Amino acid sequence: METRYERGWQRLKEVDGKAGEQVVAALADCCPDLGRYIVEFGFGDIYSRPGLTLQQRELATIAALTALGTATPQLKVHIAAGLHVGLSREEIIEAILQMSLYAGFPAALNGVFAAREVFAAHD
């Protein structure tokens, strides 16, 4: 029987590829428990649940991070993850644009600028 950590690690690699591994590795020297919580809870429990596809989960995450307006580094990681799991640029931009209605234009502008950076890095 696989552990939450093993299940989470596999899902993290499926969603984020190397970027997810880099986030966890970056926490190893100062707060390894946070990295473990991300893997176990975030990806072992939440991202591994039935009911939503990985694309739907990433679209919801992109929308939430855009609405927060204060999580640009995490938003960029999840925009890249969205592309990695098969979201189109148009779907990502539409989710960000939708947030202008609920989170305001500054949050949506920040989201679009973050998306533009990620798209350029993927070209």
N, C-alpha and C. Protein backbone atom coordinates (compact mmCIF):
# COMPACT_ATOMS: atom_id res chain seq x y z
N MET A 1 0.86 -1.19 0.00
CA MET A 1 0.00 0.00 0.00
C MET A 1 0.89 1.24 0.00
N GLU A 2 0.65 2.13 -0.95
CA GLU A 2 1.50 3.33 -1.02
C GLU A 2 1.10 4.34 0.05
N THR A 3 2.06 5.09 0.50
CA THR A 3 1.82 6.10 1.53
C THR A 3 1.29 7.38 0.89
N ARG A 4 0.78 8.25 1.73
CA ARG A 4 0.33 9.57 1.26
C ARG A 4 1.47 10.28 0.56
N TYR A 5 2.66 10.18 1.13
CA TYR A 5 3.82 10.86 0.55
C TYR A 5 4.14 10.30 -0.83
N GLU A 6 4.17 9.00 -0.96
CA GLU A 6 4.46 8.38 -2.26
C GLU A 6 3.40 8.75 -3.29
N ARG A 7 2.14 8.66 -2.90
CA ARG A 7 1.04 9.03 -3.80
C ARG A 7 1.15 10.51 -4.18
N GLY A 8 1.44 11.35 -3.20
CA GLY A 8 1.57 12.79 -3.45
C GLY A 8 2.75 13.11 -4.34
N TRP A 9 3.87 12.43 -4.12
CA TRP A 9 5.06 12.68 -4.92
C TRP A 9 4.80 12.34 -6.39
N GLN A 10 4.12 11.21 -6.62
CA GLN A 10 3.78 10.82 -8.00
C GLN A 10 2.84 11.83 -8.65
N ARG A 11 1.84 12.30 -7.89
CA ARG A 11 0.89 13.26 -8.44
C ARG A 11 1.57 14.60 -8.68
N LEU A 12 2.44 15.01 -7.78
CA LEU A 12 3.19 16.27 -7.94
C LEU A 12 4.00 16.23 -9.23
N LYS A 13 4.69 15.14 -9.47
CA LYS A 13 5.49 15.02 -10.70
C LYS A 13 4.59 15.02 -11.93
N GLU A 14 3.41 14.41 -11.81
CA GLU A 14 2.46 14.37 -12.93
C GLU A 14 1.94 15.77 -13.26
N VAL A 15 1.71 16.57 -12.23
CA VAL A 15 1.15 17.91 -12.41
C VAL A 15 2.22 18.93 -12.77
N ASP A 16 3.27 18.98 -11.98
CA ASP A 16 4.25 20.06 -12.09
C ASP A 16 5.57 19.68 -12.76
N GLY A 17 5.80 18.40 -12.96
CA GLY A 17 7.08 18.00 -13.51
C GLY A 17 8.21 18.42 -12.57
N LYS A 18 9.29 18.89 -13.13
CA LYS A 18 10.47 19.27 -12.34
C LYS A 18 10.21 20.49 -11.45
N ALA A 19 9.29 21.36 -11.85
CA ALA A 19 9.04 22.58 -11.06
C ALA A 19 8.56 22.23 -9.65
N GLY A 20 7.71 21.25 -9.52
CA GLY A 20 7.23 20.84 -8.21
C GLY A 20 8.34 20.27 -7.35
N GLU A 21 9.20 19.46 -7.97
CA GLU A 21 10.34 18.91 -7.25
C GLU A 21 11.25 20.03 -6.77
N GLN A 22 11.41 21.08 -7.58
CA GLN A 22 12.28 22.20 -7.21
C GLN A 22 11.71 22.97 -6.02
N VAL A 23 10.39 23.12 -5.97
CA VAL A 23 9.77 23.81 -4.84
C VAL A 23 10.04 23.04 -3.55
N VAL A 24 9.83 21.75 -3.57
CA VAL A 24 10.05 20.93 -2.38
C VAL A 24 11.53 20.96 -2.00
N ALA A 25 12.41 20.85 -2.98
CA ALA A 25 13.86 20.88 -2.71
C ALA A 25 14.28 22.22 -2.12
N ALA A 26 13.67 23.31 -2.57
CA ALA A 26 14.02 24.64 -2.07
C ALA A 26 13.66 24.81 -0.60
N LEU A 27 12.74 24.01 -0.11
CA LEU A 27 12.33 24.08 1.30
C LEU A 27 13.16 23.18 2.21
N ALA A 28 13.96 22.29 1.63
CA ALA A 28 14.65 21.26 2.39
C ALA A 28 15.57 21.80 3.48
N ASP A 29 16.24 22.90 3.22
CA ASP A 29 17.21 23.40 4.20
C ASP A 29 16.61 24.29 5.28
N CYS A 30 15.43 24.84 5.04
CA CYS A 30 14.88 25.76 6.03
C CYS A 30 13.54 25.31 6.62
N CYS A 31 12.74 24.59 5.84
CA CYS A 31 11.43 24.17 6.35
C CYS A 31 10.97 22.90 5.61
N PRO A 32 11.67 21.80 5.83
CA PRO A 32 11.32 20.57 5.12
C PRO A 32 9.92 20.06 5.42
N ASP A 33 9.41 20.38 6.61
CA ASP A 33 8.05 19.94 6.94
C ASP A 33 7.02 20.55 6.00
N LEU A 34 7.22 21.82 5.61
CA LEU A 34 6.29 22.44 4.68
C LEU A 34 6.30 21.70 3.34
N GLY A 35 7.47 21.33 2.87
CA GLY A 35 7.55 20.53 1.64
C GLY A 35 6.81 19.21 1.78
N ARG A 36 6.98 18.56 2.92
CA ARG A 36 6.29 17.29 3.17
C ARG A 36 4.78 17.50 3.21
N TYR A 37 4.32 18.58 3.84
CA TYR A 37 2.88 18.85 3.89
C TYR A 37 2.31 19.10 2.49
N ILE A 38 3.06 19.83 1.68
CA ILE A 38 2.62 20.07 0.30
C ILE A 38 2.46 18.75 -0.44
N VAL A 39 3.44 17.88 -0.30
CA VAL A 39 3.39 16.59 -1.00
C VAL A 39 2.27 15.72 -0.44
N GLU A 40 2.23 15.54 0.90
CA GLU A 40 1.26 14.63 1.49
C GLU A 40 -0.17 15.15 1.40
N PHE A 41 -0.40 16.35 1.90
CA PHE A 41 -1.77 16.86 1.93
C PHE A 41 -2.20 17.40 0.57
N GLY A 42 -1.38 18.31 0.03
CA GLY A 42 -1.78 18.95 -1.22
C GLY A 42 -1.94 17.99 -2.37
N PHE A 43 -0.94 17.13 -2.56
CA PHE A 43 -0.96 16.26 -3.73
C PHE A 43 -1.35 14.82 -3.39
N GLY A 44 -0.99 14.34 -2.21
CA GLY A 44 -1.37 12.99 -1.82
C GLY A 44 -2.84 12.86 -1.46
N ASP A 45 -3.40 13.92 -0.88
CA ASP A 45 -4.81 13.90 -0.48
C ASP A 45 -5.70 14.68 -1.47
N ILE A 46 -5.45 15.98 -1.62
CA ILE A 46 -6.36 16.82 -2.39
C ILE A 46 -6.27 16.56 -3.89
N TYR A 47 -5.08 16.67 -4.46
CA TYR A 47 -4.93 16.48 -5.91
C TYR A 47 -5.21 15.04 -6.34
N SER A 48 -5.22 14.10 -5.41
CA SER A 48 -5.46 12.70 -5.75
C SER A 48 -6.92 12.29 -5.60
N ARG A 49 -7.76 13.20 -5.22
CA ARG A 49 -9.18 12.89 -5.05
C ARG A 49 -9.84 12.68 -6.41
N PRO A 50 -10.91 11.87 -6.44
CA PRO A 50 -11.70 11.76 -7.67
C PRO A 50 -12.62 12.98 -7.78
N GLY A 51 -13.24 13.14 -8.90
CA GLY A 51 -14.25 14.19 -9.06
C GLY A 51 -13.86 15.32 -9.98
N LEU A 52 -12.58 15.66 -10.03
CA LEU A 52 -12.11 16.68 -10.95
C LEU A 52 -10.89 16.13 -11.69
N THR A 53 -10.75 16.54 -12.93
CA THR A 53 -9.55 16.19 -13.68
C THR A 53 -8.41 17.08 -13.22
N LEU A 54 -7.21 16.71 -13.59
CA LEU A 54 -6.07 17.58 -13.27
C LEU A 54 -6.21 18.94 -13.94
N GLN A 55 -6.76 18.97 -15.15
CA GLN A 55 -6.97 20.26 -15.82
C GLN A 55 -7.95 21.13 -15.02
N GLN A 56 -9.04 20.53 -14.56
CA GLN A 56 -10.01 21.28 -13.77
C GLN A 56 -9.40 21.77 -12.46
N ARG A 57 -8.61 20.94 -11.82
CA ARG A 57 -7.97 21.35 -10.56
C ARG A 57 -7.01 22.51 -10.80
N GLU A 58 -6.24 22.44 -11.88
CA GLU A 58 -5.30 23.53 -12.17
C GLU A 58 -6.04 24.80 -12.55
N LEU A 59 -7.13 24.70 -13.29
CA LEU A 59 -7.90 25.89 -13.65
C LEU A 59 -8.46 26.56 -12.39
N ALA A 60 -8.97 25.75 -11.47
CA ALA A 60 -9.48 26.30 -10.20
C ALA A 60 -8.36 26.95 -9.40
N THR A 61 -7.20 26.32 -9.40
CA THR A 61 -6.06 26.86 -8.66
C THR A 61 -5.57 28.17 -9.27
N ILE A 62 -5.51 28.22 -10.59
CA ILE A 62 -5.10 29.45 -11.28
C ILE A 62 -6.08 30.57 -10.95
N ALA A 63 -7.36 30.27 -10.96
CA ALA A 63 -8.37 31.29 -10.64
C ALA A 63 -8.21 31.77 -9.20
N ALA A 64 -8.02 30.84 -8.27
CA ALA A 64 -7.90 31.23 -6.86
C ALA A 64 -6.65 32.06 -6.62
N LEU A 65 -5.53 31.65 -7.20
CA LEU A 65 -4.29 32.40 -7.00
C LEU A 65 -4.37 33.78 -7.66
N THR A 66 -5.05 33.85 -8.80
CA THR A 66 -5.26 35.16 -9.43
C THR A 66 -6.09 36.04 -8.51
N ALA A 67 -7.16 35.50 -7.97
CA ALA A 67 -8.05 36.27 -7.11
C ALA A 67 -7.34 36.76 -5.85
N LEU A 68 -6.42 35.95 -5.32
CA LEU A 68 -5.67 36.39 -4.15
C LEU A 68 -4.89 37.67 -4.46
N GLY A 69 -4.31 37.72 -5.64
CA GLY A 69 -3.58 38.91 -6.04
C GLY A 69 -2.23 39.09 -5.38
N THR A 70 -1.86 38.20 -4.50
CA THR A 70 -0.61 38.34 -3.74
C THR A 70 0.28 37.11 -3.85
N ALA A 71 -0.02 36.23 -4.78
CA ALA A 71 0.70 34.95 -4.86
C ALA A 71 1.28 34.73 -6.26
N THR A 72 1.92 35.75 -6.79
CA THR A 72 2.43 35.66 -8.17
C THR A 72 3.41 34.52 -8.39
N PRO A 73 4.37 34.27 -7.49
CA PRO A 73 5.26 33.13 -7.75
C PRO A 73 4.51 31.79 -7.84
N GLN A 74 3.54 31.60 -6.94
CA GLN A 74 2.76 30.37 -6.97
C GLN A 74 1.85 30.32 -8.19
N LEU A 75 1.32 31.47 -8.59
CA LEU A 75 0.49 31.53 -9.79
C LEU A 75 1.29 31.11 -11.01
N LYS A 76 2.52 31.57 -11.12
CA LYS A 76 3.36 31.18 -12.26
C LYS A 76 3.61 29.68 -12.28
N VAL A 77 3.86 29.09 -11.12
CA VAL A 77 4.07 27.64 -11.04
C VAL A 77 2.82 26.91 -11.54
N HIS A 78 1.65 27.39 -11.14
CA HIS A 78 0.42 26.70 -11.51
C HIS A 78 -0.01 26.99 -12.95
N ILE A 79 0.34 28.12 -13.49
CA ILE A 79 0.11 28.35 -14.91
C ILE A 79 0.95 27.36 -15.72
N ALA A 80 2.21 27.22 -15.34
CA ALA A 80 3.07 26.23 -16.01
C ALA A 80 2.51 24.82 -15.83
N ALA A 81 2.02 24.51 -14.64
CA ALA A 81 1.42 23.20 -14.39
C ALA A 81 0.19 23.01 -15.25
N GLY A 82 -0.61 24.06 -15.40
CA GLY A 82 -1.79 23.98 -16.27
C GLY A 82 -1.41 23.62 -17.69
N LEU A 83 -0.38 24.27 -18.20
CA LEU A 83 0.10 23.92 -19.54
C LEU A 83 0.59 22.47 -19.57
N HIS A 84 1.27 22.06 -18.50
CA HIS A 84 1.83 20.70 -18.41
C HIS A 84 0.74 19.63 -18.44
N VAL A 85 -0.42 19.90 -17.84
CA VAL A 85 -1.50 18.91 -17.80
C VAL A 85 -2.48 19.07 -18.96
N GLY A 86 -2.20 19.99 -19.88
CA GLY A 86 -3.01 20.07 -21.10
C GLY A 86 -3.96 21.24 -21.24
N LEU A 87 -3.91 22.20 -20.32
CA LEU A 87 -4.74 23.40 -20.52
C LEU A 87 -4.16 24.21 -21.67
N SER A 88 -5.04 24.86 -22.40
CA SER A 88 -4.57 25.76 -23.46
C SER A 88 -4.31 27.13 -22.87
N ARG A 89 -3.55 27.91 -23.58
CA ARG A 89 -3.31 29.30 -23.16
C ARG A 89 -4.63 30.05 -23.08
N GLU A 90 -5.52 29.79 -24.02
CA GLU A 90 -6.82 30.46 -24.03
C GLU A 90 -7.61 30.13 -22.76
N GLU A 91 -7.62 28.87 -22.34
CA GLU A 91 -8.35 28.49 -21.13
C GLU A 91 -7.77 29.20 -19.91
N ILE A 92 -6.45 29.26 -19.84
CA ILE A 92 -5.80 29.93 -18.72
C ILE A 92 -6.14 31.41 -18.70
N ILE A 93 -6.03 32.07 -19.83
CA ILE A 93 -6.35 33.50 -19.91
C ILE A 93 -7.82 33.75 -19.58
N GLU A 94 -8.70 32.91 -20.05
CA GLU A 94 -10.13 33.09 -19.75
C GLU A 94 -10.41 32.95 -18.26
N ALA A 95 -9.75 32.02 -17.59
CA ALA A 95 -9.93 31.88 -16.14
C ALA A 95 -9.45 33.12 -15.42
N ILE A 96 -8.30 33.65 -15.86
CA ILE A 96 -7.76 34.87 -15.26
C ILE A 96 -8.69 36.05 -15.54
N LEU A 97 -9.15 36.16 -16.75
CA LEU A 97 -10.08 37.25 -17.12
C LEU A 97 -11.37 37.18 -16.30
N GLN A 98 -11.86 35.98 -16.06
CA GLN A 98 -13.07 35.80 -15.25
C GLN A 98 -12.88 36.39 -13.85
N MET A 99 -11.68 36.36 -13.35
CA MET A 99 -11.41 36.88 -12.01
C MET A 99 -11.50 38.40 -11.95
N SER A 100 -11.43 39.08 -13.09
CA SER A 100 -11.60 40.54 -13.07
C SER A 100 -12.96 40.93 -12.50
N LEU A 101 -13.94 40.07 -12.73
CA LEU A 101 -15.30 40.33 -12.24
C LEU A 101 -15.39 40.16 -10.72
N TYR A 102 -14.66 39.20 -10.17
CA TYR A 102 -14.79 38.86 -8.76
C TYR A 102 -13.66 39.38 -7.88
N ALA A 103 -12.48 39.56 -8.46
CA ALA A 103 -11.33 39.99 -7.66
C ALA A 103 -10.83 41.37 -8.05
N GLY A 104 -11.33 41.90 -9.16
CA GLY A 104 -10.95 43.22 -9.60
C GLY A 104 -9.91 43.21 -10.71
N PHE A 105 -9.82 44.35 -11.38
CA PHE A 105 -8.90 44.47 -12.50
C PHE A 105 -7.43 44.38 -12.10
N PRO A 106 -7.01 44.93 -10.96
CA PRO A 106 -5.59 44.78 -10.60
C PRO A 106 -5.18 43.31 -10.47
N ALA A 107 -6.01 42.50 -9.84
CA ALA A 107 -5.68 41.08 -9.70
C ALA A 107 -5.63 40.40 -11.06
N ALA A 108 -6.58 40.71 -11.92
CA ALA A 108 -6.59 40.11 -13.26
C ALA A 108 -5.39 40.58 -14.08
N LEU A 109 -5.05 41.86 -13.98
CA LEU A 109 -3.86 42.36 -14.69
C LEU A 109 -2.60 41.64 -14.23
N ASN A 110 -2.45 41.49 -12.92
CA ASN A 110 -1.29 40.77 -12.40
C ASN A 110 -1.27 39.34 -12.92
N GLY A 111 -2.42 38.72 -12.98
CA GLY A 111 -2.52 37.36 -13.50
C GLY A 111 -2.14 37.26 -14.97
N VAL A 112 -2.61 38.19 -15.76
CA VAL A 112 -2.28 38.19 -17.19
C VAL A 112 -0.78 38.41 -17.39
N PHE A 113 -0.20 39.32 -16.62
CA PHE A 113 1.24 39.57 -16.75
C PHE A 113 2.04 38.33 -16.34
N ALA A 114 1.58 37.63 -15.30
CA ALA A 114 2.25 36.39 -14.89
C ALA A 114 2.12 35.34 -15.99
N ALA A 115 0.95 35.23 -16.58
CA ALA A 115 0.72 34.27 -17.66
C ALA A 115 1.62 34.59 -18.86
N ARG A 116 1.73 35.86 -19.19
CA ARG A 116 2.57 36.25 -20.32
C ARG A 116 4.02 35.81 -20.09
N GLU A 117 4.52 35.97 -18.88
CA GLU A 117 5.89 35.54 -18.55
C GLU A 117 6.04 34.02 -18.70
N VAL A 118 5.08 33.29 -18.19
CA VAL A 118 5.15 31.83 -18.26
C VAL A 118 5.04 31.36 -19.71
N PHE A 119 4.13 31.96 -20.47
CA PHE A 119 3.98 31.58 -21.88
C PHE A 119 5.27 31.86 -22.65
N ALA A 120 5.89 33.00 -22.38
CA ALA A 120 7.14 33.33 -23.07
C ALA A 120 8.24 32.33 -22.72
N ALA A 121 8.28 31.89 -21.49
CA ALA A 121 9.30 30.91 -21.07
C ALA A 121 9.05 29.55 -21.73
N HIS A 122 7.81 29.27 -22.08
CA HIS A 122 7.48 27.99 -22.70
C HIS A 122 7.61 28.02 -24.22
N ASP A 123 7.84 29.18 -24.80
CA ASP A 123 7.98 29.27 -26.26
C ASP A 123 9.34 28.77 -26.71
